[in-house]
């Protein structure tokens, strides 16, 4: 009887964990940032693409990965976790990739939400 209760509890916990993981992938956390802090990057690493209106963090992340893949190759798919930021005043997305939770560096992109213009694309190295 105790083994059965333990097994049912374990299955419930695993199921809940799966739902949380799926929710986090589908709805990435969006932090705030200030575009003014990135004026140097916009000047030094301007983008050329216009992707069309970007309304959600999921769209911003997907667009960033496509641009990064074109520039840096398939290895960019391993630069996780991706983080999504939004400057509400200027309506600009900032998406960053990384080498992991501990090692600094990775790809970055600034995208205008209104028309999808890539303002800057750059890559930090550790």
N, C-alpha and C. Protein backbone atom coordinates (compact mmCIF):
# COMPACT_ATOMS: atom_id res chain seq x y z
N UNK A 1 0.82 -1.19 0.00
CA UNK A 1 0.00 0.00 0.00
C UNK A 1 0.86 1.26 0.00
N UNK A 2 1.93 1.29 0.83
CA UNK A 2 2.81 2.45 0.89
C UNK A 2 3.54 2.67 -0.43
N UNK A 3 3.92 1.57 -1.07
CA UNK A 3 4.61 1.69 -2.36
C UNK A 3 3.68 2.29 -3.42
N UNK A 4 2.42 1.90 -3.36
CA UNK A 4 1.44 2.40 -4.32
C UNK A 4 1.22 3.91 -4.13
N UNK A 5 1.10 4.35 -2.90
CA UNK A 5 0.93 5.78 -2.60
C UNK A 5 2.18 6.55 -3.03
N UNK A 6 3.34 6.02 -2.76
CA UNK A 6 4.59 6.65 -3.17
C UNK A 6 4.68 6.75 -4.69
N UNK A 7 4.28 5.70 -5.39
CA UNK A 7 4.31 5.70 -6.85
C UNK A 7 3.33 6.73 -7.42
N UNK A 8 2.13 6.79 -6.87
CA UNK A 8 1.14 7.76 -7.34
C UNK A 8 1.63 9.18 -7.08
N UNK A 9 2.20 9.43 -5.91
CA UNK A 9 2.74 10.75 -5.58
C UNK A 9 3.86 11.12 -6.54
N UNK A 10 4.74 10.20 -6.82
CA UNK A 10 5.84 10.43 -7.75
C UNK A 10 5.33 10.75 -9.15
N UNK A 11 4.33 10.03 -9.62
CA UNK A 11 3.76 10.29 -10.94
C UNK A 11 3.10 11.66 -11.00
N UNK A 12 2.42 12.05 -9.93
CA UNK A 12 1.80 13.38 -9.88
C UNK A 12 2.87 14.46 -9.94
N UNK A 13 3.94 14.31 -9.18
CA UNK A 13 5.02 15.30 -9.18
C UNK A 13 5.70 15.39 -10.55
N UNK A 14 5.92 14.28 -11.19
CA UNK A 14 6.53 14.28 -12.52
C UNK A 14 5.61 14.97 -13.52
N UNK A 15 4.32 14.67 -13.45
CA UNK A 15 3.35 15.30 -14.35
C UNK A 15 3.31 16.81 -14.14
N UNK A 16 3.26 17.24 -12.90
CA UNK A 16 3.27 18.69 -12.61
C UNK A 16 4.56 19.34 -13.12
N UNK A 17 5.68 18.67 -12.94
CA UNK A 17 6.95 19.20 -13.44
C UNK A 17 6.94 19.37 -14.95
N UNK A 18 6.35 18.42 -15.65
CA UNK A 18 6.25 18.52 -17.11
C UNK A 18 5.39 19.70 -17.52
N UNK A 19 4.26 19.89 -16.83
CA UNK A 19 3.39 21.02 -17.16
C UNK A 19 4.10 22.35 -16.91
N UNK A 20 4.84 22.46 -15.83
CA UNK A 20 5.59 23.69 -15.53
C UNK A 20 6.65 23.94 -16.60
N UNK A 21 7.36 22.90 -17.00
CA UNK A 21 8.39 23.05 -18.03
C UNK A 21 7.79 23.48 -19.36
N UNK A 22 6.67 22.89 -19.74
CA UNK A 22 6.01 23.26 -20.99
C UNK A 22 5.52 24.70 -20.92
N UNK A 23 4.96 25.10 -19.78
CA UNK A 23 4.48 26.47 -19.62
C UNK A 23 5.62 27.47 -19.74
N UNK A 24 6.76 27.17 -19.13
CA UNK A 24 7.91 28.09 -19.17
C UNK A 24 8.48 28.22 -20.57
N UNK A 25 8.45 27.15 -21.35
CA UNK A 25 8.94 27.22 -22.73
C UNK A 25 7.97 28.04 -23.58
N UNK A 26 6.68 27.83 -23.38
CA UNK A 26 5.67 28.52 -24.18
C UNK A 26 5.52 29.99 -23.78
N UNK A 27 5.81 30.31 -22.52
CA UNK A 27 5.64 31.67 -22.01
C UNK A 27 6.91 32.13 -21.30
N UNK A 28 7.93 32.50 -22.06
CA UNK A 28 9.18 32.90 -21.43
C UNK A 28 9.00 34.14 -20.56
N UNK A 29 9.74 34.18 -19.48
CA UNK A 29 9.71 35.34 -18.59
C UNK A 29 10.32 36.52 -19.32
N UNK A 30 9.68 37.68 -19.22
CA UNK A 30 10.17 38.88 -19.88
C UNK A 30 10.57 39.89 -18.81
N UNK A 31 11.84 40.25 -18.80
CA UNK A 31 12.33 41.28 -17.90
C UNK A 31 12.40 42.61 -18.64
N UNK A 32 12.57 43.68 -17.90
CA UNK A 32 12.68 45.01 -18.49
C UNK A 32 14.14 45.38 -18.70
N UNK A 33 14.39 46.29 -19.63
CA UNK A 33 15.72 46.84 -19.85
C UNK A 33 15.55 48.23 -20.42
N UNK A 34 16.64 48.98 -20.48
CA UNK A 34 16.62 50.33 -21.04
C UNK A 34 17.45 50.36 -22.31
N UNK A 35 16.83 50.75 -23.41
CA UNK A 35 17.52 50.79 -24.70
C UNK A 35 18.71 51.74 -24.67
N UNK A 36 18.63 52.81 -23.90
CA UNK A 36 19.71 53.79 -23.84
C UNK A 36 21.04 53.15 -23.42
N UNK A 37 20.98 52.09 -22.65
CA UNK A 37 22.20 51.41 -22.21
C UNK A 37 22.91 50.68 -23.35
N UNK A 38 22.25 50.56 -24.50
CA UNK A 38 22.80 49.80 -25.63
C UNK A 38 23.12 50.68 -26.83
N UNK A 39 23.29 51.97 -26.64
CA UNK A 39 23.58 52.86 -27.77
C UNK A 39 24.90 52.51 -28.45
N UNK A 40 25.90 52.09 -27.69
CA UNK A 40 27.20 51.70 -28.26
C UNK A 40 27.04 50.48 -29.16
N UNK A 41 26.27 49.49 -28.72
CA UNK A 41 26.06 48.28 -29.51
C UNK A 41 25.30 48.59 -30.81
N UNK A 42 24.32 49.50 -30.72
CA UNK A 42 23.56 49.87 -31.92
C UNK A 42 24.48 50.56 -32.93
N UNK A 43 25.39 51.37 -32.44
CA UNK A 43 26.33 52.07 -33.32
C UNK A 43 27.36 51.12 -33.92
N UNK A 44 27.90 50.21 -33.10
CA UNK A 44 28.98 49.34 -33.56
C UNK A 44 28.52 48.08 -34.30
N UNK A 45 27.33 47.59 -33.98
CA UNK A 45 26.87 46.32 -34.54
C UNK A 45 25.45 46.44 -35.13
N UNK A 46 25.24 47.39 -36.05
CA UNK A 46 23.89 47.60 -36.57
C UNK A 46 23.40 46.39 -37.38
N UNK A 47 22.09 46.18 -37.32
CA UNK A 47 21.48 45.11 -38.11
C UNK A 47 20.90 45.68 -39.39
N UNK A 48 20.56 44.81 -40.32
CA UNK A 48 20.02 45.23 -41.61
C UNK A 48 18.63 44.68 -41.87
N UNK A 49 18.25 43.60 -41.20
CA UNK A 49 17.01 42.92 -41.51
C UNK A 49 15.80 43.65 -40.92
N UNK A 50 14.66 43.49 -41.60
CA UNK A 50 13.36 43.94 -41.10
C UNK A 50 12.46 42.71 -41.14
N UNK A 51 11.99 42.28 -39.98
CA UNK A 51 11.31 41.00 -39.86
C UNK A 51 9.79 41.10 -39.80
N UNK A 52 9.25 42.30 -39.71
CA UNK A 52 7.81 42.45 -39.51
C UNK A 52 7.51 42.52 -38.03
N UNK A 53 6.32 42.95 -37.69
CA UNK A 53 5.91 43.20 -36.32
C UNK A 53 6.17 41.99 -35.41
N UNK A 54 6.77 42.24 -34.26
CA UNK A 54 7.07 41.20 -33.27
C UNK A 54 6.25 41.53 -32.01
N UNK A 55 5.22 40.74 -31.75
CA UNK A 55 4.29 41.07 -30.68
C UNK A 55 4.49 40.31 -29.38
N UNK A 56 5.11 39.14 -29.43
CA UNK A 56 5.23 38.33 -28.22
C UNK A 56 6.69 37.96 -27.95
N UNK A 57 7.00 37.61 -26.71
CA UNK A 57 8.36 37.17 -26.40
C UNK A 57 8.74 35.91 -27.18
N UNK A 58 7.77 35.05 -27.41
CA UNK A 58 8.04 33.83 -28.18
C UNK A 58 8.47 34.18 -29.61
N UNK A 59 7.78 35.13 -30.23
CA UNK A 59 8.15 35.57 -31.58
C UNK A 59 9.53 36.21 -31.57
N UNK A 60 9.83 37.00 -30.55
CA UNK A 60 11.15 37.65 -30.45
C UNK A 60 12.26 36.61 -30.34
N UNK A 61 12.03 35.60 -29.50
CA UNK A 61 13.03 34.55 -29.32
C UNK A 61 13.23 33.76 -30.61
N UNK A 62 12.13 33.42 -31.28
CA UNK A 62 12.22 32.67 -32.53
C UNK A 62 12.97 33.47 -33.61
N UNK A 63 12.64 34.77 -33.72
CA UNK A 63 13.31 35.62 -34.71
C UNK A 63 14.79 35.74 -34.39
N UNK A 64 15.12 35.91 -33.12
CA UNK A 64 16.52 36.02 -32.71
C UNK A 64 17.30 34.76 -33.10
N UNK A 65 16.73 33.60 -32.82
CA UNK A 65 17.42 32.36 -33.15
C UNK A 65 17.65 32.22 -34.65
N UNK A 66 16.69 32.65 -35.48
CA UNK A 66 16.86 32.58 -36.93
C UNK A 66 17.99 33.50 -37.39
N UNK A 67 18.01 34.72 -36.89
CA UNK A 67 19.07 35.68 -37.27
C UNK A 67 20.42 35.15 -36.81
N UNK A 68 20.50 34.71 -35.56
CA UNK A 68 21.77 34.19 -35.03
C UNK A 68 22.24 32.99 -35.83
N UNK A 69 21.33 32.11 -36.22
CA UNK A 69 21.71 30.92 -36.98
C UNK A 69 22.31 31.32 -38.32
N UNK A 70 21.73 32.34 -38.97
CA UNK A 70 22.29 32.82 -40.24
C UNK A 70 23.69 33.40 -40.06
N UNK A 71 23.91 34.08 -38.95
CA UNK A 71 25.20 34.75 -38.72
C UNK A 71 26.24 33.80 -38.14
N UNK A 72 25.87 33.06 -37.09
CA UNK A 72 26.83 32.28 -36.31
C UNK A 72 26.79 30.78 -36.58
N UNK A 73 25.82 30.31 -37.35
CA UNK A 73 25.73 28.89 -37.65
C UNK A 73 24.87 28.14 -36.65
N UNK A 74 24.81 26.82 -36.85
CA UNK A 74 23.94 25.97 -36.03
C UNK A 74 24.34 25.92 -34.56
N UNK A 75 25.58 26.23 -34.24
CA UNK A 75 26.03 26.14 -32.85
C UNK A 75 25.27 27.09 -31.93
N UNK A 76 24.60 28.10 -32.50
CA UNK A 76 23.87 29.05 -31.67
C UNK A 76 22.71 28.38 -30.93
N UNK A 77 22.22 27.27 -31.44
CA UNK A 77 21.12 26.59 -30.78
C UNK A 77 21.53 26.04 -29.42
N UNK A 78 22.83 25.97 -29.16
CA UNK A 78 23.31 25.49 -27.86
C UNK A 78 23.58 26.62 -26.88
N UNK A 79 23.32 27.84 -27.25
CA UNK A 79 23.59 29.00 -26.39
C UNK A 79 22.38 29.26 -25.49
N UNK A 80 21.98 28.28 -24.75
CA UNK A 80 20.82 28.40 -23.87
C UNK A 80 21.27 28.55 -22.43
N UNK A 81 20.53 29.13 -21.56
CA UNK A 81 19.15 29.57 -21.75
C UNK A 81 19.09 30.91 -22.48
N UNK A 82 17.99 31.11 -23.20
CA UNK A 82 17.73 32.39 -23.84
C UNK A 82 16.94 33.24 -22.85
N UNK A 83 17.23 34.53 -22.83
CA UNK A 83 16.47 35.45 -21.99
C UNK A 83 15.88 36.53 -22.87
N UNK A 84 14.66 36.94 -22.54
CA UNK A 84 13.94 37.94 -23.32
C UNK A 84 13.66 39.15 -22.43
N UNK A 85 13.98 40.33 -22.94
CA UNK A 85 13.75 41.59 -22.23
C UNK A 85 12.93 42.50 -23.14
N UNK A 86 12.22 43.45 -22.53
CA UNK A 86 11.42 44.38 -23.33
C UNK A 86 11.53 45.78 -22.74
N UNK A 87 11.79 46.75 -23.61
CA UNK A 87 11.79 48.17 -23.24
C UNK A 87 10.45 48.73 -23.70
N UNK A 88 9.55 48.93 -22.75
CA UNK A 88 8.19 49.36 -23.10
C UNK A 88 8.17 50.78 -23.66
N UNK A 89 9.06 51.64 -23.17
CA UNK A 89 9.10 53.02 -23.64
C UNK A 89 9.44 53.10 -25.12
N UNK A 90 10.46 52.36 -25.54
CA UNK A 90 10.92 52.39 -26.93
C UNK A 90 10.37 51.25 -27.78
N UNK A 91 9.64 50.34 -27.15
CA UNK A 91 9.06 49.17 -27.82
C UNK A 91 10.13 48.38 -28.58
N UNK A 92 11.11 47.91 -27.81
CA UNK A 92 12.23 47.15 -28.38
C UNK A 92 12.44 45.88 -27.55
N UNK A 93 12.65 44.78 -28.26
CA UNK A 93 12.98 43.50 -27.64
C UNK A 93 14.49 43.34 -27.56
N UNK A 94 14.98 42.79 -26.48
CA UNK A 94 16.37 42.36 -26.35
C UNK A 94 16.33 40.88 -26.03
N UNK A 95 16.97 40.08 -26.87
CA UNK A 95 17.05 38.64 -26.63
C UNK A 95 18.52 38.30 -26.48
N UNK A 96 18.84 37.54 -25.45
CA UNK A 96 20.22 37.14 -25.21
C UNK A 96 20.32 35.63 -25.10
N UNK A 97 21.41 35.10 -25.59
CA UNK A 97 21.72 33.70 -25.41
C UNK A 97 22.91 33.62 -24.48
N UNK A 98 23.33 32.43 -24.12
CA UNK A 98 24.46 32.31 -23.21
C UNK A 98 25.18 30.99 -23.42
N UNK A 99 26.26 30.82 -22.71
CA UNK A 99 27.00 29.57 -22.72
C UNK A 99 26.50 28.67 -21.59
N UNK A 100 25.57 29.14 -20.83
CA UNK A 100 25.05 28.39 -19.68
C UNK A 100 24.79 29.35 -18.54
N UNK A 101 24.47 28.80 -17.41
CA UNK A 101 24.12 29.64 -16.27
C UNK A 101 25.33 30.29 -15.61
N UNK A 102 26.50 29.73 -15.78
CA UNK A 102 27.68 30.21 -15.06
C UNK A 102 28.63 30.98 -15.96
N UNK A 103 28.86 30.52 -17.18
CA UNK A 103 29.85 31.12 -18.07
C UNK A 103 29.24 32.32 -18.80
N UNK A 104 29.88 33.50 -18.71
CA UNK A 104 29.34 34.68 -19.40
C UNK A 104 29.60 34.61 -20.91
N UNK A 105 28.88 35.44 -21.65
CA UNK A 105 29.07 35.52 -23.09
C UNK A 105 27.93 34.86 -23.83
N UNK A 106 27.77 35.24 -25.10
CA UNK A 106 26.72 34.67 -25.92
C UNK A 106 26.17 35.70 -26.88
N UNK A 107 25.22 35.31 -27.74
CA UNK A 107 24.66 36.21 -28.73
C UNK A 107 23.62 37.15 -28.12
N UNK A 108 23.48 38.33 -28.72
CA UNK A 108 22.50 39.33 -28.30
C UNK A 108 21.88 39.95 -29.55
N UNK A 109 20.62 40.38 -29.42
CA UNK A 109 19.97 41.06 -30.53
C UNK A 109 18.95 42.05 -29.99
N UNK A 110 18.86 43.19 -30.64
CA UNK A 110 17.84 44.20 -30.34
C UNK A 110 16.92 44.29 -31.54
N UNK A 111 15.60 44.14 -31.31
CA UNK A 111 14.62 44.14 -32.39
C UNK A 111 13.49 45.09 -32.04
N UNK A 112 13.16 45.98 -32.97
CA UNK A 112 12.02 46.86 -32.79
C UNK A 112 10.74 46.04 -32.86
N UNK A 113 9.85 46.23 -31.88
CA UNK A 113 8.60 45.47 -31.85
C UNK A 113 7.65 45.93 -32.95
N UNK A 114 7.65 47.22 -33.27
CA UNK A 114 6.69 47.78 -34.21
C UNK A 114 6.84 47.23 -35.62
N UNK A 115 8.09 47.16 -36.12
CA UNK A 115 8.29 46.71 -37.50
C UNK A 115 9.28 45.56 -37.63
N UNK A 116 9.86 45.12 -36.52
CA UNK A 116 10.80 44.01 -36.56
C UNK A 116 12.17 44.38 -37.09
N UNK A 117 12.50 45.66 -37.14
CA UNK A 117 13.83 46.07 -37.60
C UNK A 117 14.87 45.63 -36.58
N UNK A 118 15.89 44.96 -37.07
CA UNK A 118 16.99 44.54 -36.21
C UNK A 118 17.89 45.76 -35.99
N UNK A 119 17.95 46.22 -34.76
CA UNK A 119 18.74 47.42 -34.44
C UNK A 119 20.21 47.09 -34.25
N UNK A 120 20.48 45.92 -33.68
CA UNK A 120 21.87 45.51 -33.45
C UNK A 120 21.93 44.01 -33.21
N UNK A 121 23.05 43.41 -33.64
CA UNK A 121 23.33 42.00 -33.38
C UNK A 121 24.79 41.91 -33.01
N UNK A 122 25.08 41.26 -31.88
CA UNK A 122 26.48 41.09 -31.47
C UNK A 122 26.62 39.85 -30.62
N UNK A 123 27.87 39.47 -30.38
CA UNK A 123 28.17 38.27 -29.63
C UNK A 123 29.30 38.58 -28.65
N UNK A 124 29.05 38.32 -27.38
CA UNK A 124 30.11 38.45 -26.35
C UNK A 124 30.87 37.15 -26.30
N UNK A 125 32.13 37.25 -25.99
CA UNK A 125 32.94 36.05 -25.80
C UNK A 125 33.40 36.02 -24.36
N UNK A 126 33.59 34.79 -23.85
CA UNK A 126 34.06 34.69 -22.47
C UNK A 126 35.55 34.57 -22.43
